[in-house]
Amino acid sequence: MSSKAGSLNTQIIDLPVRFTHHNEQAVLSGLPVAASEIIYQGVMVAYDPANSQAQSADPAMAATAVVIGICPETVDNTTGAKGALTVSPRACIARILNDGNVTAAHVGTRLRVVDDHTVGVPAGDHTDRFAGLNLGLDNDHVWVLITPESAKRGPVQVAITSSQNATAAAADLTSAETLANALKANYNQLQTDFVALRNAFITLGSIGG
């Protein structure tokens, strides 16, 4: 979950994007901060369009929330209702803390949110909340491209374990017991594949969890 500790020494390379307007007709510019939420300077900010609110990036945040940038200054809405304060996160390349599992093998891949200022290797299932694209390692930190596009859900790779012709092949077996065991094994593989496909659709946001 979010550390709520802040990360005041975050190093960033600014991109020419700052999310200053959720709705240009609104009285306050910026994205409405969630109720009872504090977003510290230097941490990753996620925006949830389904609930129209911004918050610190958190692995337990709603599946519809997407990390969109870094918070330029602390916004303390701990005593306010949703939207009482707003935040204008910056899309950027940020030096984010490595949880210790990201290696050179993960350069060029997307990383998951561990907490609001830490990234790690995705689990590869519907629990992943992406932080952005890994551009390179820097001691115990990672340079991460953080934009709505680089943190969006998907694509997801699914390994299929069942065989397309397994049932037809099983029908050729002479022993009824062997046939039954072969059909049972393929049925179990199909169940595994179904769960994998379901998790992939959840990760992509195509279906609910």
N, C-alpha and C. Protein backbone atom coordinates (compact mmCIF):
# COMPACT_ATOMS: atom_id res chain seq x y z
N MET A 1 0.83 -1.18 0.00
CA MET A 1 0.00 0.00 0.00
C MET A 1 0.87 1.24 0.00
N SER A 2 0.27 2.41 -0.18
CA SER A 2 1.04 3.65 -0.21
C SER A 2 1.80 3.83 1.09
N SER A 3 3.06 4.25 0.96
CA SER A 3 3.89 4.42 2.14
C SER A 3 3.49 5.65 2.94
N LYS A 4 2.97 6.67 2.26
CA LYS A 4 2.62 7.95 2.88
C LYS A 4 3.83 8.56 3.56
N ALA A 5 5.01 8.26 3.05
CA ALA A 5 6.23 8.80 3.63
C ALA A 5 6.80 9.93 2.78
N GLY A 6 6.32 10.05 1.57
CA GLY A 6 6.83 11.08 0.69
C GLY A 6 8.16 10.69 0.07
N SER A 7 8.58 11.44 -0.92
CA SER A 7 9.85 11.18 -1.59
C SER A 7 10.35 12.51 -2.13
N LEU A 8 10.79 13.36 -1.22
CA LEU A 8 11.11 14.75 -1.56
C LEU A 8 12.30 14.88 -2.48
N ASN A 9 13.17 13.84 -2.53
CA ASN A 9 14.38 13.95 -3.35
C ASN A 9 14.24 13.25 -4.70
N THR A 10 13.00 13.04 -5.15
CA THR A 10 12.79 12.40 -6.45
C THR A 10 13.43 13.23 -7.56
N GLN A 11 14.20 12.57 -8.41
CA GLN A 11 14.79 13.24 -9.57
C GLN A 11 13.93 12.95 -10.79
N ILE A 12 13.63 13.99 -11.55
CA ILE A 12 12.78 13.80 -12.72
C ILE A 12 13.35 14.53 -13.92
N ILE A 13 13.03 14.00 -15.09
CA ILE A 13 13.29 14.68 -16.36
C ILE A 13 11.92 15.03 -16.91
N ASP A 14 11.58 16.30 -16.90
CA ASP A 14 10.24 16.73 -17.28
C ASP A 14 9.93 16.46 -18.74
N LEU A 15 8.70 16.03 -18.98
CA LEU A 15 8.15 15.95 -20.32
C LEU A 15 7.23 17.16 -20.49
N PRO A 16 6.93 17.58 -21.72
CA PRO A 16 6.10 18.77 -21.91
C PRO A 16 4.62 18.50 -21.66
N VAL A 17 4.32 17.82 -20.55
CA VAL A 17 2.93 17.50 -20.22
C VAL A 17 2.73 17.71 -18.73
N ARG A 18 1.74 18.50 -18.38
CA ARG A 18 1.35 18.64 -16.99
C ARG A 18 -0.17 18.64 -16.95
N PHE A 19 -0.74 17.78 -16.12
CA PHE A 19 -2.19 17.60 -16.12
C PHE A 19 -2.84 18.66 -15.24
N THR A 20 -3.00 19.86 -15.83
CA THR A 20 -3.50 21.00 -15.08
C THR A 20 -5.01 21.14 -15.13
N HIS A 21 -5.64 20.46 -16.07
CA HIS A 21 -7.08 20.61 -16.20
C HIS A 21 -7.78 19.26 -16.33
N HIS A 22 -8.63 18.98 -15.36
CA HIS A 22 -9.51 17.83 -15.50
C HIS A 22 -10.73 18.28 -16.31
N ASN A 23 -11.16 19.49 -16.06
CA ASN A 23 -12.29 20.08 -16.76
C ASN A 23 -12.05 21.58 -16.79
N GLU A 24 -11.81 22.14 -17.94
CA GLU A 24 -11.44 23.55 -18.04
C GLU A 24 -12.56 24.49 -17.60
N GLN A 25 -13.76 23.95 -17.45
CA GLN A 25 -14.87 24.78 -16.96
C GLN A 25 -14.96 24.75 -15.43
N ALA A 26 -14.15 23.90 -14.80
CA ALA A 26 -14.19 23.79 -13.35
C ALA A 26 -13.59 25.04 -12.71
N VAL A 27 -14.02 25.31 -11.47
CA VAL A 27 -13.52 26.47 -10.74
C VAL A 27 -12.03 26.32 -10.46
N LEU A 28 -11.61 25.12 -10.03
CA LEU A 28 -10.21 24.84 -9.71
C LEU A 28 -9.59 24.01 -10.82
N SER A 29 -8.38 24.38 -11.24
CA SER A 29 -7.68 23.57 -12.24
C SER A 29 -7.05 22.37 -11.55
N GLY A 30 -6.74 21.37 -12.34
CA GLY A 30 -6.13 20.17 -11.78
C GLY A 30 -7.11 19.03 -11.61
N LEU A 31 -6.62 17.93 -11.09
CA LEU A 31 -7.44 16.74 -10.88
C LEU A 31 -7.94 16.71 -9.45
N PRO A 32 -9.21 16.37 -9.22
CA PRO A 32 -9.74 16.34 -7.85
C PRO A 32 -9.08 15.24 -7.03
N VAL A 33 -8.58 15.61 -5.86
CA VAL A 33 -7.93 14.65 -4.97
C VAL A 33 -9.00 13.88 -4.19
N ALA A 34 -8.78 12.58 -4.00
CA ALA A 34 -9.72 11.74 -3.27
C ALA A 34 -9.93 12.26 -1.85
N ALA A 35 -11.08 11.98 -1.28
CA ALA A 35 -11.37 12.39 0.09
C ALA A 35 -10.39 11.74 1.06
N SER A 36 -10.01 12.48 2.08
CA SER A 36 -9.14 11.98 3.16
C SER A 36 -7.81 11.46 2.64
N GLU A 37 -7.31 12.08 1.59
CA GLU A 37 -6.08 11.62 0.94
C GLU A 37 -4.99 12.68 1.03
N ILE A 38 -3.75 12.25 1.23
CA ILE A 38 -2.60 13.13 1.13
C ILE A 38 -1.66 12.57 0.07
N ILE A 39 -1.24 13.42 -0.85
CA ILE A 39 -0.31 13.02 -1.90
C ILE A 39 0.96 13.84 -1.69
N TYR A 40 2.04 13.16 -1.37
CA TYR A 40 3.28 13.85 -1.05
C TYR A 40 4.04 14.26 -2.31
N GLN A 41 4.84 15.30 -2.17
CA GLN A 41 5.71 15.74 -3.24
C GLN A 41 6.66 14.61 -3.64
N GLY A 42 6.79 14.38 -4.94
CA GLY A 42 7.75 13.42 -5.43
C GLY A 42 7.25 12.00 -5.57
N VAL A 43 5.97 11.73 -5.24
CA VAL A 43 5.47 10.37 -5.36
C VAL A 43 4.62 10.23 -6.63
N MET A 44 4.38 8.99 -7.02
CA MET A 44 3.57 8.72 -8.21
C MET A 44 2.10 8.99 -7.92
N VAL A 45 1.44 9.62 -8.88
CA VAL A 45 0.02 9.95 -8.75
C VAL A 45 -0.79 9.11 -9.73
N ALA A 46 -1.88 8.55 -9.25
CA ALA A 46 -2.78 7.79 -10.10
C ALA A 46 -4.11 8.52 -10.21
N TYR A 47 -4.71 8.44 -11.39
CA TYR A 47 -6.04 9.02 -11.59
C TYR A 47 -7.01 7.92 -11.96
N ASP A 48 -8.17 7.93 -11.29
CA ASP A 48 -9.20 6.93 -11.51
C ASP A 48 -10.38 7.59 -12.21
N PRO A 49 -10.52 7.44 -13.52
CA PRO A 49 -11.62 8.10 -14.24
C PRO A 49 -12.99 7.57 -13.83
N ALA A 50 -13.04 6.33 -13.36
CA ALA A 50 -14.33 5.76 -12.96
C ALA A 50 -14.89 6.47 -11.74
N ASN A 51 -13.99 6.97 -10.88
CA ASN A 51 -14.41 7.67 -9.66
C ASN A 51 -14.04 9.14 -9.67
N SER A 52 -13.45 9.61 -10.80
CA SER A 52 -13.06 11.02 -10.97
C SER A 52 -12.25 11.54 -9.80
N GLN A 53 -11.15 10.82 -9.48
CA GLN A 53 -10.33 11.25 -8.37
C GLN A 53 -8.88 10.84 -8.55
N ALA A 54 -7.99 11.64 -7.96
CA ALA A 54 -6.56 11.36 -7.98
C ALA A 54 -6.13 10.91 -6.60
N GLN A 55 -5.08 10.08 -6.54
CA GLN A 55 -4.57 9.58 -5.28
C GLN A 55 -3.11 9.18 -5.45
N SER A 56 -2.44 8.92 -4.32
CA SER A 56 -1.10 8.35 -4.39
C SER A 56 -1.20 6.98 -5.03
N ALA A 57 -0.21 6.64 -5.86
CA ALA A 57 -0.20 5.30 -6.47
C ALA A 57 -0.14 4.25 -5.38
N ASP A 58 -0.93 3.20 -5.53
CA ASP A 58 -1.06 2.17 -4.50
C ASP A 58 -1.37 0.85 -5.20
N PRO A 59 -0.70 -0.25 -4.84
CA PRO A 59 -1.00 -1.53 -5.50
C PRO A 59 -2.42 -2.02 -5.22
N ALA A 60 -3.07 -1.44 -4.21
CA ALA A 60 -4.44 -1.84 -3.88
C ALA A 60 -5.47 -0.88 -4.47
N MET A 61 -5.02 0.07 -5.29
CA MET A 61 -5.97 1.04 -5.85
C MET A 61 -6.89 0.35 -6.85
N ALA A 62 -7.98 1.03 -7.18
CA ALA A 62 -8.97 0.46 -8.10
C ALA A 62 -8.32 0.06 -9.42
N ALA A 63 -8.85 -1.00 -10.02
CA ALA A 63 -8.31 -1.49 -11.29
C ALA A 63 -8.44 -0.46 -12.40
N THR A 64 -9.34 0.50 -12.25
CA THR A 64 -9.55 1.52 -13.27
C THR A 64 -8.56 2.68 -13.14
N ALA A 65 -7.82 2.74 -12.04
CA ALA A 65 -6.87 3.84 -11.81
C ALA A 65 -5.59 3.62 -12.63
N VAL A 66 -5.03 4.72 -13.13
CA VAL A 66 -3.81 4.66 -13.95
C VAL A 66 -2.81 5.69 -13.44
N VAL A 67 -1.57 5.27 -13.27
CA VAL A 67 -0.51 6.20 -12.86
C VAL A 67 -0.24 7.16 -14.02
N ILE A 68 -0.28 8.47 -13.74
CA ILE A 68 -0.15 9.44 -14.82
C ILE A 68 1.03 10.40 -14.66
N GLY A 69 1.66 10.44 -13.47
CA GLY A 69 2.76 11.37 -13.31
C GLY A 69 3.26 11.43 -11.87
N ILE A 70 4.11 12.43 -11.62
CA ILE A 70 4.71 12.66 -10.30
C ILE A 70 4.09 13.92 -9.69
N CYS A 71 3.86 13.89 -8.40
CA CYS A 71 3.27 15.03 -7.71
C CYS A 71 4.33 16.11 -7.50
N PRO A 72 4.11 17.34 -8.01
CA PRO A 72 5.12 18.39 -7.90
C PRO A 72 5.21 19.02 -6.51
N GLU A 73 4.15 18.91 -5.73
CA GLU A 73 4.14 19.48 -4.38
C GLU A 73 3.12 18.73 -3.53
N THR A 74 3.35 18.69 -2.23
CA THR A 74 2.45 17.96 -1.34
C THR A 74 1.05 18.58 -1.33
N VAL A 75 0.05 17.71 -1.49
CA VAL A 75 -1.36 18.14 -1.43
C VAL A 75 -2.02 17.36 -0.30
N ASP A 76 -2.38 18.06 0.76
CA ASP A 76 -2.94 17.43 1.96
C ASP A 76 -4.44 17.63 2.02
N ASN A 77 -5.17 16.60 1.63
CA ASN A 77 -6.64 16.65 1.65
C ASN A 77 -7.18 15.67 2.69
N THR A 78 -6.42 15.44 3.74
CA THR A 78 -6.81 14.45 4.75
C THR A 78 -8.10 14.81 5.47
N THR A 79 -8.45 16.07 5.52
CA THR A 79 -9.69 16.48 6.20
C THR A 79 -10.75 16.96 5.22
N GLY A 80 -10.47 16.81 3.92
CA GLY A 80 -11.40 17.34 2.93
C GLY A 80 -12.19 16.29 2.19
N ALA A 81 -13.26 16.71 1.57
CA ALA A 81 -14.06 15.83 0.71
C ALA A 81 -13.38 15.71 -0.64
N LYS A 82 -13.83 14.78 -1.45
CA LYS A 82 -13.25 14.61 -2.79
C LYS A 82 -13.36 15.90 -3.58
N GLY A 83 -12.23 16.35 -4.13
CA GLY A 83 -12.24 17.54 -4.94
C GLY A 83 -12.07 18.84 -4.17
N ALA A 84 -11.98 18.75 -2.83
CA ALA A 84 -11.75 19.98 -2.06
C ALA A 84 -10.42 20.60 -2.44
N LEU A 85 -9.46 19.74 -2.80
CA LEU A 85 -8.17 20.18 -3.31
C LEU A 85 -7.91 19.45 -4.62
N THR A 86 -7.02 20.02 -5.43
CA THR A 86 -6.67 19.39 -6.70
C THR A 86 -5.17 19.21 -6.79
N VAL A 87 -4.75 18.36 -7.73
CA VAL A 87 -3.34 18.11 -7.96
C VAL A 87 -3.06 18.15 -9.46
N SER A 88 -1.89 18.64 -9.82
CA SER A 88 -1.49 18.72 -11.23
C SER A 88 -0.20 17.94 -11.44
N PRO A 89 -0.31 16.61 -11.53
CA PRO A 89 0.90 15.78 -11.68
C PRO A 89 1.61 16.01 -13.01
N ARG A 90 2.90 15.71 -13.02
CA ARG A 90 3.72 15.90 -14.22
C ARG A 90 4.09 14.56 -14.83
N ALA A 91 3.81 14.42 -16.11
CA ALA A 91 4.35 13.27 -16.85
C ALA A 91 5.85 13.49 -16.97
N CYS A 92 6.63 12.44 -16.76
CA CYS A 92 8.08 12.64 -16.72
C CYS A 92 8.81 11.30 -16.79
N ILE A 93 10.13 11.40 -16.82
CA ILE A 93 10.99 10.24 -16.58
C ILE A 93 11.51 10.43 -15.16
N ALA A 94 11.16 9.53 -14.27
CA ALA A 94 11.47 9.71 -12.85
C ALA A 94 12.38 8.60 -12.33
N ARG A 95 13.24 8.98 -11.40
CA ARG A 95 14.13 8.02 -10.74
C ARG A 95 13.39 7.48 -9.51
N ILE A 96 12.89 6.25 -9.65
CA ILE A 96 12.02 5.64 -8.65
C ILE A 96 12.76 4.51 -7.94
N LEU A 97 12.48 4.33 -6.66
CA LEU A 97 13.13 3.29 -5.87
C LEU A 97 12.82 1.90 -6.40
N ASN A 98 13.85 1.06 -6.50
CA ASN A 98 13.73 -0.33 -6.93
C ASN A 98 13.47 -1.19 -5.70
N ASP A 99 12.47 -2.06 -5.75
CA ASP A 99 12.19 -2.92 -4.58
C ASP A 99 13.23 -4.03 -4.42
N GLY A 100 14.22 -4.06 -5.33
CA GLY A 100 15.29 -5.04 -5.24
C GLY A 100 15.17 -6.17 -6.23
N ASN A 101 14.03 -6.23 -6.94
CA ASN A 101 13.80 -7.33 -7.87
C ASN A 101 13.94 -6.94 -9.34
N VAL A 102 14.01 -5.65 -9.63
CA VAL A 102 14.14 -5.18 -11.01
C VAL A 102 15.61 -5.26 -11.41
N THR A 103 15.88 -5.96 -12.51
CA THR A 103 17.25 -6.14 -13.00
C THR A 103 17.36 -5.65 -14.44
N ALA A 104 18.56 -5.78 -15.00
CA ALA A 104 18.79 -5.37 -16.38
C ALA A 104 17.90 -6.15 -17.35
N ALA A 105 17.49 -7.34 -16.95
CA ALA A 105 16.62 -8.14 -17.81
C ALA A 105 15.24 -7.50 -17.99
N HIS A 106 14.90 -6.54 -17.12
CA HIS A 106 13.57 -5.91 -17.17
C HIS A 106 13.58 -4.55 -17.85
N VAL A 107 14.75 -4.14 -18.37
CA VAL A 107 14.81 -2.86 -19.09
C VAL A 107 13.94 -2.96 -20.34
N GLY A 108 13.14 -1.94 -20.57
CA GLY A 108 12.25 -1.94 -21.73
C GLY A 108 10.90 -2.57 -21.45
N THR A 109 10.68 -3.02 -20.20
CA THR A 109 9.39 -3.60 -19.84
C THR A 109 8.68 -2.69 -18.84
N ARG A 110 7.40 -2.92 -18.65
CA ARG A 110 6.65 -2.12 -17.68
C ARG A 110 6.83 -2.69 -16.28
N LEU A 111 6.81 -1.79 -15.30
CA LEU A 111 6.99 -2.16 -13.90
C LEU A 111 5.71 -1.90 -13.13
N ARG A 112 5.56 -2.60 -12.03
CA ARG A 112 4.35 -2.45 -11.22
C ARG A 112 4.59 -1.50 -10.04
N VAL A 113 3.51 -0.99 -9.51
CA VAL A 113 3.53 -0.15 -8.32
C VAL A 113 3.70 -1.04 -7.09
N VAL A 114 4.74 -0.78 -6.29
CA VAL A 114 4.92 -1.46 -5.00
C VAL A 114 4.36 -0.56 -3.90
N ASP A 115 4.72 0.72 -3.94
CA ASP A 115 4.06 1.75 -3.13
C ASP A 115 4.20 3.05 -3.91
N ASP A 116 3.88 4.17 -3.29
CA ASP A 116 3.82 5.41 -4.06
C ASP A 116 5.16 5.92 -4.59
N HIS A 117 6.27 5.34 -4.12
CA HIS A 117 7.58 5.76 -4.66
C HIS A 117 8.51 4.58 -4.92
N THR A 118 7.93 3.38 -5.09
CA THR A 118 8.72 2.17 -5.32
C THR A 118 8.09 1.34 -6.43
N VAL A 119 8.95 0.75 -7.28
CA VAL A 119 8.47 -0.11 -8.36
C VAL A 119 9.07 -1.51 -8.25
N GLY A 120 8.40 -2.47 -8.89
CA GLY A 120 8.87 -3.84 -8.87
C GLY A 120 8.47 -4.55 -10.16
N VAL A 121 8.78 -5.84 -10.22
CA VAL A 121 8.47 -6.66 -11.39
C VAL A 121 7.01 -7.11 -11.32
N PRO A 122 6.24 -6.98 -12.40
CA PRO A 122 4.84 -7.39 -12.39
C PRO A 122 4.67 -8.88 -12.05
N ALA A 123 3.59 -9.17 -11.36
CA ALA A 123 3.27 -10.56 -11.04
C ALA A 123 2.71 -11.28 -12.25
N GLY A 124 2.20 -10.51 -13.21
CA GLY A 124 1.65 -11.10 -14.42
C GLY A 124 0.21 -11.53 -14.29
N ASP A 125 -0.50 -10.96 -13.30
CA ASP A 125 -1.92 -11.30 -13.14
C ASP A 125 -2.73 -10.03 -12.91
N HIS A 126 -4.01 -10.19 -12.53
CA HIS A 126 -4.91 -9.04 -12.42
C HIS A 126 -4.59 -8.13 -11.24
N THR A 127 -3.65 -8.52 -10.38
CA THR A 127 -3.30 -7.68 -9.23
C THR A 127 -2.34 -6.55 -9.60
N ASP A 128 -1.71 -6.64 -10.77
CA ASP A 128 -0.72 -5.64 -11.16
C ASP A 128 -1.35 -4.27 -11.38
N ARG A 129 -0.70 -3.25 -10.83
CA ARG A 129 -1.02 -1.85 -11.12
C ARG A 129 0.26 -1.25 -11.66
N PHE A 130 0.28 -0.87 -12.92
CA PHE A 130 1.53 -0.50 -13.58
C PHE A 130 1.96 0.92 -13.27
N ALA A 131 3.28 1.09 -13.10
CA ALA A 131 3.86 2.41 -12.82
C ALA A 131 4.31 3.09 -14.10
N GLY A 132 4.90 2.34 -15.01
CA GLY A 132 5.41 2.91 -16.25
C GLY A 132 6.47 2.02 -16.86
N LEU A 133 7.19 2.57 -17.84
CA LEU A 133 8.15 1.80 -18.62
C LEU A 133 9.56 1.97 -18.06
N ASN A 134 10.23 0.85 -17.85
CA ASN A 134 11.60 0.83 -17.31
C ASN A 134 12.59 1.24 -18.41
N LEU A 135 13.28 2.38 -18.18
CA LEU A 135 14.25 2.86 -19.16
C LEU A 135 15.69 2.53 -18.79
N GLY A 136 15.92 2.16 -17.53
CA GLY A 136 17.28 1.84 -17.12
C GLY A 136 17.44 1.82 -15.62
N LEU A 137 18.49 1.14 -15.16
CA LEU A 137 18.77 1.02 -13.73
C LEU A 137 19.77 2.09 -13.29
N ASP A 138 19.68 2.49 -12.03
CA ASP A 138 20.58 3.49 -11.47
C ASP A 138 20.80 3.14 -10.00
N ASN A 139 21.80 2.28 -9.75
CA ASN A 139 22.07 1.77 -8.39
C ASN A 139 20.81 1.10 -7.85
N ASP A 140 20.25 1.61 -6.76
CA ASP A 140 19.06 0.98 -6.19
C ASP A 140 17.77 1.66 -6.65
N HIS A 141 17.86 2.38 -7.78
CA HIS A 141 16.71 3.05 -8.35
C HIS A 141 16.52 2.64 -9.82
N VAL A 142 15.37 3.00 -10.36
CA VAL A 142 15.05 2.72 -11.75
C VAL A 142 14.54 4.01 -12.39
N TRP A 143 14.99 4.30 -13.61
CA TRP A 143 14.44 5.42 -14.36
C TRP A 143 13.19 4.93 -15.09
N VAL A 144 12.07 5.52 -14.75
CA VAL A 144 10.78 5.05 -15.25
C VAL A 144 10.07 6.14 -16.04
N LEU A 145 9.63 5.82 -17.27
CA LEU A 145 8.80 6.73 -18.05
C LEU A 145 7.38 6.64 -17.51
N ILE A 146 6.90 7.75 -16.94
CA ILE A 146 5.58 7.76 -16.31
C ILE A 146 4.65 8.67 -17.10
N THR A 147 3.76 8.06 -17.85
CA THR A 147 2.71 8.76 -18.59
C THR A 147 1.48 7.86 -18.56
N PRO A 148 0.29 8.40 -18.83
CA PRO A 148 -0.90 7.53 -18.87
C PRO A 148 -0.77 6.39 -19.86
N GLU A 149 -0.08 6.64 -20.99
CA GLU A 149 0.07 5.61 -22.02
C GLU A 149 0.99 4.49 -21.57
N SER A 150 2.10 4.83 -20.90
CA SER A 150 3.06 3.80 -20.51
C SER A 150 2.62 3.02 -19.28
N ALA A 151 1.63 3.53 -18.55
CA ALA A 151 1.16 2.84 -17.34
C ALA A 151 -0.19 2.15 -17.54
N LYS A 152 -0.76 2.27 -18.73
CA LYS A 152 -2.07 1.66 -18.93
C LYS A 152 -1.98 0.15 -18.88
N ARG A 153 -3.10 -0.49 -18.72
CA ARG A 153 -3.12 -1.93 -18.56
C ARG A 153 -2.97 -2.64 -19.91
N GLY A 154 -2.28 -3.81 -19.87
CA GLY A 154 -2.10 -4.61 -21.07
C GLY A 154 -0.95 -4.12 -21.93
N PRO A 155 -0.53 -4.84 -22.99
CA PRO A 155 -1.02 -6.18 -23.31
C PRO A 155 -0.55 -7.24 -22.32
N VAL A 156 -1.21 -8.37 -22.32
CA VAL A 156 -0.91 -9.44 -21.37
C VAL A 156 -0.61 -10.72 -22.13
N GLN A 157 0.47 -11.38 -21.78
CA GLN A 157 0.80 -12.66 -22.41
C GLN A 157 0.15 -13.80 -21.63
N VAL A 158 -0.44 -14.72 -22.34
CA VAL A 158 -1.09 -15.87 -21.72
C VAL A 158 -0.50 -17.14 -22.30
N ALA A 159 0.01 -18.02 -21.43
CA ALA A 159 0.57 -19.30 -21.87
C ALA A 159 -0.55 -20.34 -21.85
N ILE A 160 -0.84 -20.94 -23.01
CA ILE A 160 -1.89 -21.95 -23.12
C ILE A 160 -1.28 -23.32 -22.89
N THR A 161 -1.88 -24.07 -21.96
CA THR A 161 -1.34 -25.39 -21.60
C THR A 161 -2.09 -26.54 -22.24
N SER A 162 -3.35 -26.32 -22.62
CA SER A 162 -4.13 -27.41 -23.21
C SER A 162 -3.76 -27.60 -24.67
N SER A 163 -4.03 -28.80 -25.20
CA SER A 163 -3.70 -29.13 -26.58
C SER A 163 -4.98 -29.14 -27.42
N GLN A 164 -4.90 -28.55 -28.59
CA GLN A 164 -6.07 -28.45 -29.46
C GLN A 164 -6.60 -29.83 -29.86
N ASN A 165 -5.71 -30.79 -30.05
CA ASN A 165 -6.12 -32.11 -30.54
C ASN A 165 -6.10 -33.18 -29.46
N ALA A 166 -6.00 -32.74 -28.20
CA ALA A 166 -5.87 -33.72 -27.12
C ALA A 166 -7.08 -34.63 -27.01
N THR A 167 -8.28 -34.06 -27.14
CA THR A 167 -9.49 -34.87 -27.01
C THR A 167 -9.59 -35.88 -28.15
N ALA A 168 -9.28 -35.45 -29.37
CA ALA A 168 -9.31 -36.37 -30.52
C ALA A 168 -8.29 -37.48 -30.35
N ALA A 169 -7.12 -37.15 -29.84
CA ALA A 169 -6.08 -38.15 -29.63
C ALA A 169 -6.50 -39.13 -28.55
N ALA A 170 -7.19 -38.61 -27.52
CA ALA A 170 -7.61 -39.47 -26.42
C ALA A 170 -8.64 -40.49 -26.90
N ALA A 171 -9.46 -40.11 -27.87
CA ALA A 171 -10.49 -41.01 -28.38
C ALA A 171 -9.89 -42.24 -29.04
N ASP A 172 -8.64 -42.18 -29.45
CA ASP A 172 -7.99 -43.31 -30.11
C ASP A 172 -7.42 -44.31 -29.11
N LEU A 173 -7.42 -43.94 -27.81
CA LEU A 173 -6.87 -44.85 -26.81
C LEU A 173 -7.80 -46.03 -26.61
N THR A 174 -7.22 -47.22 -26.42
CA THR A 174 -8.02 -48.44 -26.33
C THR A 174 -8.59 -48.67 -24.95
N SER A 175 -7.88 -48.31 -23.91
CA SER A 175 -8.35 -48.54 -22.55
C SER A 175 -9.29 -47.43 -22.11
N ALA A 176 -10.45 -47.81 -21.56
CA ALA A 176 -11.42 -46.83 -21.08
C ALA A 176 -10.82 -45.99 -19.95
N GLU A 177 -10.04 -46.62 -19.08
CA GLU A 177 -9.42 -45.90 -17.97
C GLU A 177 -8.39 -44.90 -18.48
N THR A 178 -7.60 -45.33 -19.46
CA THR A 178 -6.61 -44.42 -20.04
C THR A 178 -7.29 -43.25 -20.74
N LEU A 179 -8.39 -43.55 -21.43
CA LEU A 179 -9.16 -42.52 -22.10
C LEU A 179 -9.70 -41.51 -21.10
N ALA A 180 -10.27 -42.02 -20.02
CA ALA A 180 -10.85 -41.14 -19.00
C ALA A 180 -9.77 -40.25 -18.37
N ASN A 181 -8.61 -40.82 -18.10
CA ASN A 181 -7.51 -40.06 -17.50
C ASN A 181 -7.01 -38.97 -18.45
N ALA A 182 -6.94 -39.32 -19.75
CA ALA A 182 -6.49 -38.35 -20.75
C ALA A 182 -7.48 -37.19 -20.86
N LEU A 183 -8.77 -37.52 -20.86
CA LEU A 183 -9.79 -36.47 -20.95
C LEU A 183 -9.79 -35.60 -19.69
N LYS A 184 -9.59 -36.23 -18.54
CA LYS A 184 -9.54 -35.47 -17.28
C LYS A 184 -8.35 -34.52 -17.26
N ALA A 185 -7.19 -35.00 -17.74
CA ALA A 185 -6.00 -34.16 -17.76
C ALA A 185 -6.20 -32.95 -18.66
N ASN A 186 -6.80 -33.17 -19.84
CA ASN A 186 -7.03 -32.05 -20.75
C ASN A 186 -8.07 -31.09 -20.20
N TYR A 187 -9.08 -31.63 -19.49
CA TYR A 187 -10.09 -30.78 -18.86
C TYR A 187 -9.45 -29.88 -17.82
N ASN A 188 -8.53 -30.43 -17.03
CA ASN A 188 -7.83 -29.63 -16.02
C ASN A 188 -6.99 -28.54 -16.67
N GLN A 189 -6.36 -28.88 -17.80
CA GLN A 189 -5.57 -27.87 -18.51
C GLN A 189 -6.47 -26.76 -19.07
N LEU A 190 -7.65 -27.14 -19.54
CA LEU A 190 -8.59 -26.14 -20.04
C LEU A 190 -9.03 -25.20 -18.92
N GLN A 191 -9.24 -25.75 -17.72
CA GLN A 191 -9.60 -24.91 -16.57
C GLN A 191 -8.48 -23.93 -16.26
N THR A 192 -7.23 -24.41 -16.31
CA THR A 192 -6.08 -23.54 -16.07
C THR A 192 -6.02 -22.43 -17.10
N ASP A 193 -6.26 -22.80 -18.37
CA ASP A 193 -6.23 -21.80 -19.44
C ASP A 193 -7.35 -20.78 -19.26
N PHE A 194 -8.51 -21.25 -18.85
CA PHE A 194 -9.64 -20.33 -18.65
C PHE A 194 -9.33 -19.30 -17.58
N VAL A 195 -8.74 -19.75 -16.47
CA VAL A 195 -8.38 -18.82 -15.39
C VAL A 195 -7.33 -17.82 -15.87
N ALA A 196 -6.35 -18.30 -16.65
CA ALA A 196 -5.32 -17.40 -17.18
C ALA A 196 -5.92 -16.35 -18.11
N LEU A 197 -6.85 -16.77 -18.96
CA LEU A 197 -7.50 -15.82 -19.87
C LEU A 197 -8.36 -14.83 -19.10
N ARG A 198 -9.05 -15.31 -18.07
CA ARG A 198 -9.87 -14.43 -17.23
C ARG A 198 -9.00 -13.36 -16.58
N ASN A 199 -7.86 -13.78 -16.00
CA ASN A 199 -6.97 -12.83 -15.35
C ASN A 199 -6.43 -11.81 -16.35
N ALA A 200 -6.16 -12.27 -17.59
CA ALA A 200 -5.66 -11.36 -18.61
C ALA A 200 -6.69 -10.31 -18.96
N PHE A 201 -7.95 -10.71 -19.09
CA PHE A 201 -9.02 -9.76 -19.39
C PHE A 201 -9.21 -8.76 -18.25
N ILE A 202 -9.06 -9.24 -17.01
CA ILE A 202 -9.15 -8.34 -15.85
C ILE A 202 -8.02 -7.33 -15.88
N THR A 203 -6.80 -7.82 -16.14
CA THR A 203 -5.64 -6.93 -16.20
C THR A 203 -5.81 -5.88 -17.28
N LEU A 204 -6.39 -6.24 -18.40
CA LEU A 204 -6.62 -5.30 -19.49
C LEU A 204 -7.76 -4.34 -19.19
N GLY A 205 -8.55 -4.65 -18.16
CA GLY A 205 -9.68 -3.81 -17.82
C GLY A 205 -10.92 -4.10 -18.66
N SER A 206 -10.90 -5.24 -19.39
CA SER A 206 -12.04 -5.58 -20.24
C SER A 206 -13.21 -6.11 -19.43
N ILE A 207 -12.92 -6.77 -18.29
CA ILE A 207 -13.96 -7.27 -17.40
C ILE A 207 -13.58 -6.92 -15.98
N GLY A 208 -14.53 -7.00 -15.07
CA GLY A 208 -14.27 -6.70 -13.67
C GLY A 208 -13.63 -7.88 -12.95
N GLY A 209 -12.98 -7.61 -11.83
CA GLY A 209 -12.32 -8.65 -11.06
C GLY A 209 -13.26 -9.39 -10.16
